[in-house]
Amino acid sequence: MEHAVKIPPIERKWLRCPYCGAKTILYDNTAQCSGVFVKCTRGCKREFEVKIIEGNQVQ
């Protein structure tokens, strides 16, 4: 197959709470996200915005 579409390797990462560092959500390296609010389910119980740009968490 000469014209096969190249699929980027997918790497899964943990989104961490910016306050306590707890792992909250799994996402992959192709994710894009902003404007989504999540409550930390572990240590601090705070609410924070999920910001993922080009597969990396932005604080």
PDB file of N, CA and C in Angstrom:
ATOM      1  N   MET A   1       0.839  -1.188   0.000  1.00  0.00           N
ATOM      2  CA  MET A   1       0.000   0.000   0.000  1.00  0.00           C
ATOM      3  C   MET A   1       0.880   1.247   0.000  1.00  0.00           C
ATOM      4  N   GLU A   2       0.872   1.922  -1.085  1.00  0.00           N
ATOM      5  CA  GLU A   2       1.707   3.102  -1.224  1.00  0.00           C
ATOM      6  C   GLU A   2       1.099   4.332  -0.560  1.00  0.00           C
ATOM      7  N   HIS A   3      -0.215   4.424  -0.551  1.00  0.00           N
ATOM      8  CA  HIS A   3      -0.879   5.623  -0.060  1.00  0.00           C
ATOM      9  C   HIS A   3      -1.552   5.398   1.292  1.00  0.00           C
ATOM     10  N   ALA A   4      -0.935   4.635   2.139  1.00  0.00           N
ATOM     11  CA  ALA A   4      -1.515   4.362   3.459  1.00  0.00           C
ATOM     12  C   ALA A   4      -1.420   5.613   4.331  1.00  0.00           C
ATOM     13  N   VAL A   5      -2.439   5.850   5.091  1.00  0.00           N
ATOM     14  CA  VAL A   5      -2.463   6.998   5.996  1.00  0.00           C
ATOM     15  C   VAL A   5      -1.630   6.663   7.223  1.00  0.00           C
ATOM     16  N   LYS A   6      -0.719   7.555   7.573  1.00  0.00           N
ATOM     17  CA  LYS A   6       0.110   7.329   8.753  1.00  0.00           C
ATOM     18  C   LYS A   6      -0.676   7.698  10.004  1.00  0.00           C
ATOM     19  N   ILE A   7      -0.732   6.790  10.928  1.00  0.00           N
ATOM     20  CA  ILE A   7      -1.423   7.021  12.195  1.00  0.00           C
ATOM     21  C   ILE A   7      -0.370   7.328  13.251  1.00  0.00           C
ATOM     22  N   PRO A   8      -0.489   8.474  13.927  1.00  0.00           N
ATOM     23  CA  PRO A   8       0.517   8.802  14.943  1.00  0.00           C
ATOM     24  C   PRO A   8       0.418   7.832  16.116  1.00  0.00           C
ATOM     25  N   PRO A   9       1.555   7.495  16.716  1.00  0.00           N
ATOM     26  CA  PRO A   9       1.497   6.612  17.887  1.00  0.00           C
ATOM     27  C   PRO A   9       0.760   7.305  19.028  1.00  0.00           C
ATOM     28  N   ILE A  10      -0.138   6.586  19.654  1.00  0.00           N
ATOM     29  CA  ILE A  10      -0.939   7.178  20.722  1.00  0.00           C
ATOM     30  C   ILE A  10      -0.319   6.850  22.066  1.00  0.00           C
ATOM     31  N   GLU A  11      -0.106   7.890  22.836  1.00  0.00           N
ATOM     32  CA  GLU A  11       0.457   7.763  24.176  1.00  0.00           C
ATOM     33  C   GLU A  11      -0.579   8.291  25.152  1.00  0.00           C
ATOM     34  N   ARG A  12      -0.929   7.508  26.146  1.00  0.00           N
ATOM     35  CA  ARG A  12      -1.913   7.938  27.141  1.00  0.00           C
ATOM     36  C   ARG A  12      -1.192   8.581  28.318  1.00  0.00           C
ATOM     37  N   LYS A  13      -1.761   9.688  28.801  1.00  0.00           N
ATOM     38  CA  LYS A  13      -1.171  10.432  29.916  1.00  0.00           C
ATOM     39  C   LYS A  13      -2.242  10.696  30.967  1.00  0.00           C
ATOM     40  N   TRP A  14      -1.812  10.972  32.177  1.00  0.00           N
ATOM     41  CA  TRP A  14      -2.725  11.334  33.260  1.00  0.00           C
ATOM     42  C   TRP A  14      -2.795  12.847  33.377  1.00  0.00           C
ATOM     43  N   LEU A  15      -4.006  13.374  33.467  1.00  0.00           N
ATOM     44  CA  LEU A  15      -4.209  14.782  33.789  1.00  0.00           C
ATOM     45  C   LEU A  15      -4.117  14.885  35.306  1.00  0.00           C
ATOM     46  N   ARG A  16      -3.297  15.792  35.799  1.00  0.00           N
ATOM     47  CA  ARG A  16      -3.089  15.918  37.236  1.00  0.00           C
ATOM     48  C   ARG A  16      -3.758  17.173  37.774  1.00  0.00           C
ATOM     49  N   CYS A  17      -4.236  17.072  38.996  1.00  0.00           N
ATOM     50  CA  CYS A  17      -4.819  18.218  39.684  1.00  0.00           C
ATOM     51  C   CYS A  17      -3.713  19.248  39.910  1.00  0.00           C
ATOM     52  N   PRO A  18      -3.927  20.516  39.523  1.00  0.00           N
ATOM     53  CA  PRO A  18      -2.888  21.527  39.708  1.00  0.00           C
ATOM     54  C   PRO A  18      -2.670  21.916  41.171  1.00  0.00           C
ATOM     55  N   TYR A  19      -3.580  21.539  42.056  1.00  0.00           N
ATOM     56  CA  TYR A  19      -3.465  21.910  43.465  1.00  0.00           C
ATOM     57  C   TYR A  19      -2.764  20.842  44.297  1.00  0.00           C
ATOM     58  N   CYS A  20      -3.173  19.571  44.133  1.00  0.00           N
ATOM     59  CA  CYS A  20      -2.594  18.516  44.976  1.00  0.00           C
ATOM     60  C   CYS A  20      -1.772  17.498  44.187  1.00  0.00           C
ATOM     61  N   GLY A  21      -1.844  17.527  42.847  1.00  0.00           N
ATOM     62  CA  GLY A  21      -1.052  16.619  42.025  1.00  0.00           C
ATOM     63  C   GLY A  21      -1.652  15.242  41.824  1.00  0.00           C
ATOM     64  N   ALA A  22      -2.884  15.027  42.267  1.00  0.00           N
ATOM     65  CA  ALA A  22      -3.530  13.721  42.118  1.00  0.00           C
ATOM     66  C   ALA A  22      -3.868  13.453  40.648  1.00  0.00           C
ATOM     67  N   LYS A  23      -3.761  12.204  40.227  1.00  0.00           N
ATOM     68  CA  LYS A  23      -4.137  11.808  38.868  1.00  0.00           C
ATOM     69  C   LYS A  23      -5.659  11.784  38.786  1.00  0.00           C
ATOM     70  N   THR A  24      -6.225  12.492  37.793  1.00  0.00           N
ATOM     71  CA  THR A  24      -7.682  12.591  37.718  1.00  0.00           C
ATOM     72  C   THR A  24      -8.279  11.981  36.454  1.00  0.00           C
ATOM     73  N   ILE A  25      -7.728  12.284  35.275  1.00  0.00           N
ATOM     74  CA  ILE A  25      -8.318  11.862  34.001  1.00  0.00           C
ATOM     75  C   ILE A  25      -7.219  11.332  33.085  1.00  0.00           C
ATOM     76  N   LEU A  26      -7.531  10.294  32.315  1.00  0.00           N
ATOM     77  CA  LEU A  26      -6.626   9.812  31.271  1.00  0.00           C
ATOM     78  C   LEU A  26      -6.953  10.518  29.958  1.00  0.00           C
ATOM     79  N   TYR A  27      -5.904  10.934  29.219  1.00  0.00           N
ATOM     80  CA  TYR A  27      -6.083  11.525  27.895  1.00  0.00           C
ATOM     81  C   TYR A  27      -4.924  11.076  27.021  1.00  0.00           C
ATOM     82  N   ASP A  28      -5.078  11.196  25.694  1.00  0.00           N
ATOM     83  CA  ASP A  28      -3.979  10.797  24.822  1.00  0.00           C
ATOM     84  C   ASP A  28      -3.304  12.018  24.209  1.00  0.00           C
ATOM     85  N   ASN A  29      -2.206  11.766  23.492  1.00  0.00           N
ATOM     86  CA  ASN A  29      -1.379  12.859  22.982  1.00  0.00           C
ATOM     87  C   ASN A  29      -1.995  13.601  21.798  1.00  0.00           C
ATOM     88  N   THR A  30      -3.189  13.218  21.350  1.00  0.00           N
ATOM     89  CA  THR A  30      -3.865  13.943  20.273  1.00  0.00           C
ATOM     90  C   THR A  30      -5.012  14.803  20.803  1.00  0.00           C
ATOM     91  N   ALA A  31      -5.182  14.864  22.115  1.00  0.00           N
ATOM     92  CA  ALA A  31      -6.316  15.562  22.731  1.00  0.00           C
ATOM     93  C   ALA A  31      -6.165  17.083  22.652  1.00  0.00           C
ATOM     94  N   GLN A  32      -7.308  17.756  22.543  1.00  0.00           N
ATOM     95  CA  GLN A  32      -7.417  19.211  22.601  1.00  0.00           C
ATOM     96  C   GLN A  32      -8.608  19.511  23.498  1.00  0.00           C
ATOM     97  N   CYS A  33      -8.444  20.366  24.508  1.00  0.00           N
ATOM     98  CA  CYS A  33      -9.559  20.607  25.422  1.00  0.00           C
ATOM     99  C   CYS A  33      -9.368  21.922  26.170  1.00  0.00           C
ATOM    100  N   SER A  34     -10.474  22.629  26.386  1.00  0.00           N
ATOM    101  CA  SER A  34     -10.509  23.781  27.289  1.00  0.00           C
ATOM    102  C   SER A  34     -11.969  24.038  27.628  1.00  0.00           C
ATOM    103  N   GLY A  35     -12.201  24.688  28.735  1.00  0.00           N
ATOM    104  CA  GLY A  35     -13.563  25.005  29.134  1.00  0.00           C
ATOM    105  C   GLY A  35     -14.300  23.873  29.821  1.00  0.00           C
ATOM    106  N   VAL A  36     -13.585  22.808  30.172  1.00  0.00           N
ATOM    107  CA  VAL A  36     -14.194  21.686  30.887  1.00  0.00           C
ATOM    108  C   VAL A  36     -13.714  21.755  32.332  1.00  0.00           C
ATOM    109  N   PHE A  37     -14.652  21.731  33.272  1.00  0.00           N
ATOM    110  CA  PHE A  37     -14.296  21.831  34.682  1.00  0.00           C
ATOM    111  C   PHE A  37     -14.518  20.491  35.366  1.00  0.00           C
ATOM    112  N   VAL A  38     -13.534  20.089  36.176  1.00  0.00           N
ATOM    113  CA  VAL A  38     -13.545  18.797  36.852  1.00  0.00           C
ATOM    114  C   VAL A  38     -13.262  19.021  38.328  1.00  0.00           C
ATOM    115  N   LYS A  39     -13.902  18.227  39.167  1.00  0.00           N
ATOM    116  CA  LYS A  39     -13.646  18.287  40.600  1.00  0.00           C
ATOM    117  C   LYS A  39     -12.646  17.191  40.952  1.00  0.00           C
ATOM    118  N   CYS A  40     -11.608  17.528  41.701  1.00  0.00           N
ATOM    119  CA  CYS A  40     -10.608  16.558  42.138  1.00  0.00           C
ATOM    120  C   CYS A  40     -11.286  15.538  43.049  1.00  0.00           C
ATOM    121  N   THR A  41     -11.073  14.273  42.760  1.00  0.00           N
ATOM    122  CA  THR A  41     -11.730  13.223  43.534  1.00  0.00           C
ATOM    123  C   THR A  41     -10.852  12.687  44.656  1.00  0.00           C
ATOM    124  N   ARG A  42      -9.676  13.228  44.800  1.00  0.00           N
ATOM    125  CA  ARG A  42      -8.777  12.730  45.837  1.00  0.00           C
ATOM    126  C   ARG A  42      -8.563  13.780  46.908  1.00  0.00           C
ATOM    127  N   GLY A  43      -7.320  14.142  47.165  1.00  0.00           N
ATOM    128  CA  GLY A  43      -6.943  14.963  48.301  1.00  0.00           C
ATOM    129  C   GLY A  43      -7.676  16.264  48.533  1.00  0.00           C
ATOM    130  N   CYS A  44      -7.695  17.174  47.573  1.00  0.00           N
ATOM    131  CA  CYS A  44      -8.139  18.541  47.859  1.00  0.00           C
ATOM    132  C   CYS A  44      -9.619  18.805  47.580  1.00  0.00           C
ATOM    133  N   LYS A  45     -10.260  18.030  46.711  1.00  0.00           N
ATOM    134  CA  LYS A  45     -11.683  18.183  46.349  1.00  0.00           C
ATOM    135  C   LYS A  45     -11.998  19.515  45.666  1.00  0.00           C
ATOM    136  N   ARG A  46     -10.988  20.201  45.132  1.00  0.00           N
ATOM    137  CA  ARG A  46     -11.203  21.481  44.453  1.00  0.00           C
ATOM    138  C   ARG A  46     -11.635  21.262  43.008  1.00  0.00           C
ATOM    139  N   GLU A  47     -12.251  22.295  42.441  1.00  0.00           N
ATOM    140  CA  GLU A  47     -12.656  22.272  41.041  1.00  0.00           C
ATOM    141  C   GLU A  47     -11.604  23.017  40.232  1.00  0.00           C
ATOM    142  N   PHE A  48     -11.234  22.471  39.059  1.00  0.00           N
ATOM    143  CA  PHE A  48     -10.255  23.132  38.206  1.00  0.00           C
ATOM    144  C   PHE A  48     -10.622  22.918  36.742  1.00  0.00           C
ATOM    145  N   GLU A  49     -10.091  23.783  35.869  1.00  0.00           N
ATOM    146  CA  GLU A  49     -10.377  23.690  34.438  1.00  0.00           C
ATOM    147  C   GLU A  49      -9.372  22.769  33.759  1.00  0.00           C
ATOM    148  N   VAL A  50      -9.876  21.904  32.892  1.00  0.00           N
ATOM    149  CA  VAL A  50      -9.022  21.022  32.099  1.00  0.00           C
ATOM    150  C   VAL A  50      -8.580  21.806  30.869  1.00  0.00           C
ATOM    151  N   LYS A  51      -7.265  21.993  30.712  1.00  0.00           N
ATOM    152  CA  LYS A  51      -6.718  22.674  29.543  1.00  0.00           C
ATOM    153  C   LYS A  51      -5.659  21.768  28.932  1.00  0.00           C
ATOM    154  N   ILE A  52      -5.939  21.267  27.731  1.00  0.00           N
ATOM    155  CA  ILE A  52      -5.003  20.407  27.016  1.00  0.00           C
ATOM    156  C   ILE A  52      -4.792  21.014  25.640  1.00  0.00           C
ATOM    157  N   ILE A  53      -3.549  21.333  25.310  1.00  0.00           N
ATOM    158  CA  ILE A  53      -3.204  21.899  24.010  1.00  0.00           C
ATOM    159  C   ILE A  53      -2.126  21.021  23.395  1.00  0.00           C
ATOM    160  N   GLU A  54      -2.385  20.539  22.180  1.00  0.00           N
ATOM    161  CA  GLU A  54      -1.463  19.671  21.446  1.00  0.00           C
ATOM    162  C   GLU A  54      -1.019  18.477  22.278  1.00  0.00           C
ATOM    163  N   GLY A  55      -1.933  17.901  23.032  1.00  0.00           N
ATOM    164  CA  GLY A  55      -1.649  16.696  23.797  1.00  0.00           C
ATOM    165  C   GLY A  55      -0.893  16.899  25.090  1.00  0.00           C
ATOM    166  N   ASN A  56      -0.758  18.150  25.536  1.00  0.00           N
ATOM    167  CA  ASN A  56      -0.059  18.435  26.787  1.00  0.00           C
ATOM    168  C   ASN A  56      -0.935  19.273  27.702  1.00  0.00           C
ATOM    169  N   GLN A  57      -0.879  18.957  28.995  1.00  0.00           N
ATOM    170  CA  GLN A  57      -1.656  19.706  29.982  1.00  0.00           C
ATOM    171  C   GLN A  57      -1.034  21.084  30.172  1.00  0.00           C
ATOM    172  N   VAL A  58      -1.886  22.110  30.159  1.00  0.00           N
ATOM    173  CA  VAL A  58      -1.452  23.489  30.361  1.00  0.00           C
ATOM    174  C   VAL A  58      -2.043  23.967  31.675  1.00  0.00           C
ATOM    175  N   GLN A  59      -1.245  24.606  32.510  1.00  0.00           N
ATOM    176  CA  GLN A  59      -1.738  25.049  33.815  1.00  0.00           C
ATOM    177  C   GLN A  59      -2.067  26.518  33.788  1.00  0.00           C
TER     178      GLN A  59
END
